């Protein structure tokens, strides 16, 4: 699952039927594959938009684990 998500995030054009089959071999069904892709895609989208406008989380969240 992680390998698929990373491939989708880094080189989406390289996803092929074999990637789907590999997930099915690990007992993921089509709905699971959709969920993995949707979560990966939405996370990538939100991060790219945040970087576009130099968005920073609120101060409390931003300082968590940094002090």
Protein backbone atom coordinates (compact mmCIF):
# COMPACT_ATOMS: atom_id res chain seq x y z
CA UNK A 1 0.00 0.00 0.00
CA UNK A 2 2.74 2.47 0.94
CA UNK A 3 4.77 1.63 -2.16
CA UNK A 4 1.68 2.24 -4.31
CA UNK A 5 0.86 5.53 -2.55
CA UNK A 6 4.43 6.78 -2.94
CA UNK A 7 4.47 5.84 -6.61
CA UNK A 8 1.14 7.61 -7.13
CA UNK A 9 2.40 10.73 -5.36
CA UNK A 10 5.80 10.86 -7.06
CA UNK A 11 5.19 9.51 -10.58
CA UNK A 12 1.45 9.09 -11.15
CA UNK A 13 1.97 8.49 -14.86
CA UNK A 14 3.87 5.30 -14.02
CA UNK A 15 0.90 3.57 -12.35
CA UNK A 16 -0.09 0.49 -14.34
CA UNK A 17 -2.33 -2.55 -14.07
CA UNK A 18 0.44 -4.52 -12.35
CA UNK A 19 0.36 -2.04 -9.45
CA UNK A 20 -3.35 -2.72 -8.97
CA UNK A 21 -2.75 -6.46 -9.19
CA UNK A 22 -0.03 -6.24 -6.55
CA UNK A 23 -2.51 -4.60 -4.19
CA UNK A 24 -5.12 -7.26 -4.98
CA UNK A 25 -2.51 -9.92 -4.19
CA UNK A 26 -2.37 -8.36 -0.71
CA UNK A 27 -6.17 -8.65 -0.40
CA UNK A 28 -7.06 -5.06 -1.25
CA UNK A 29 -10.23 -4.82 -3.34
CA UNK A 30 -11.19 -2.13 -5.85
CA UNK A 31 -12.82 0.03 -3.17
CA UNK A 32 -9.67 -0.18 -1.06
CA UNK A 33 -7.52 0.79 -4.05
CA UNK A 34 -9.81 3.76 -4.70
CA UNK A 35 -9.51 4.84 -1.06
CA UNK A 36 -5.71 4.60 -1.14
CA UNK A 37 -5.62 6.70 -4.32
CA UNK A 38 -8.17 9.23 -3.09
CA UNK A 39 -6.39 9.81 0.24
CA UNK A 40 -3.01 10.05 -1.50
CA UNK A 41 -4.37 12.48 -4.10
CA UNK A 42 -6.20 14.72 -1.64
CA UNK A 43 -3.19 14.85 0.68
CA UNK A 44 -0.92 15.81 -2.24
CA UNK A 45 -3.39 18.45 -3.42
CA UNK A 46 -3.78 20.07 -0.01
CA UNK A 47 -0.02 20.11 0.56
CA UNK A 48 0.69 21.65 -2.84
CA UNK A 49 -1.89 24.36 -2.26
CA UNK A 50 -0.47 25.06 1.20
CA UNK A 51 3.03 25.37 -0.27
CA UNK A 52 1.71 27.62 -3.05
CA UNK A 53 0.63 30.27 -0.56
CA UNK A 54 3.26 29.55 2.12
CA UNK A 55 0.48 28.51 4.49
CA UNK A 56 1.51 27.62 8.00
CA UNK A 57 -0.64 25.78 10.55
CA UNK A 58 -1.81 27.60 13.65
CA UNK A 59 0.88 28.38 16.22
CA UNK A 60 -0.15 25.63 18.65
CA UNK A 61 0.02 22.91 16.01
CA UNK A 62 3.15 24.34 14.35
CA UNK A 63 5.15 24.23 17.59
CA UNK A 64 4.12 20.66 18.54
CA UNK A 65 7.25 18.54 18.86
CA UNK A 66 9.53 21.45 17.98
CA UNK A 67 10.29 22.82 21.41
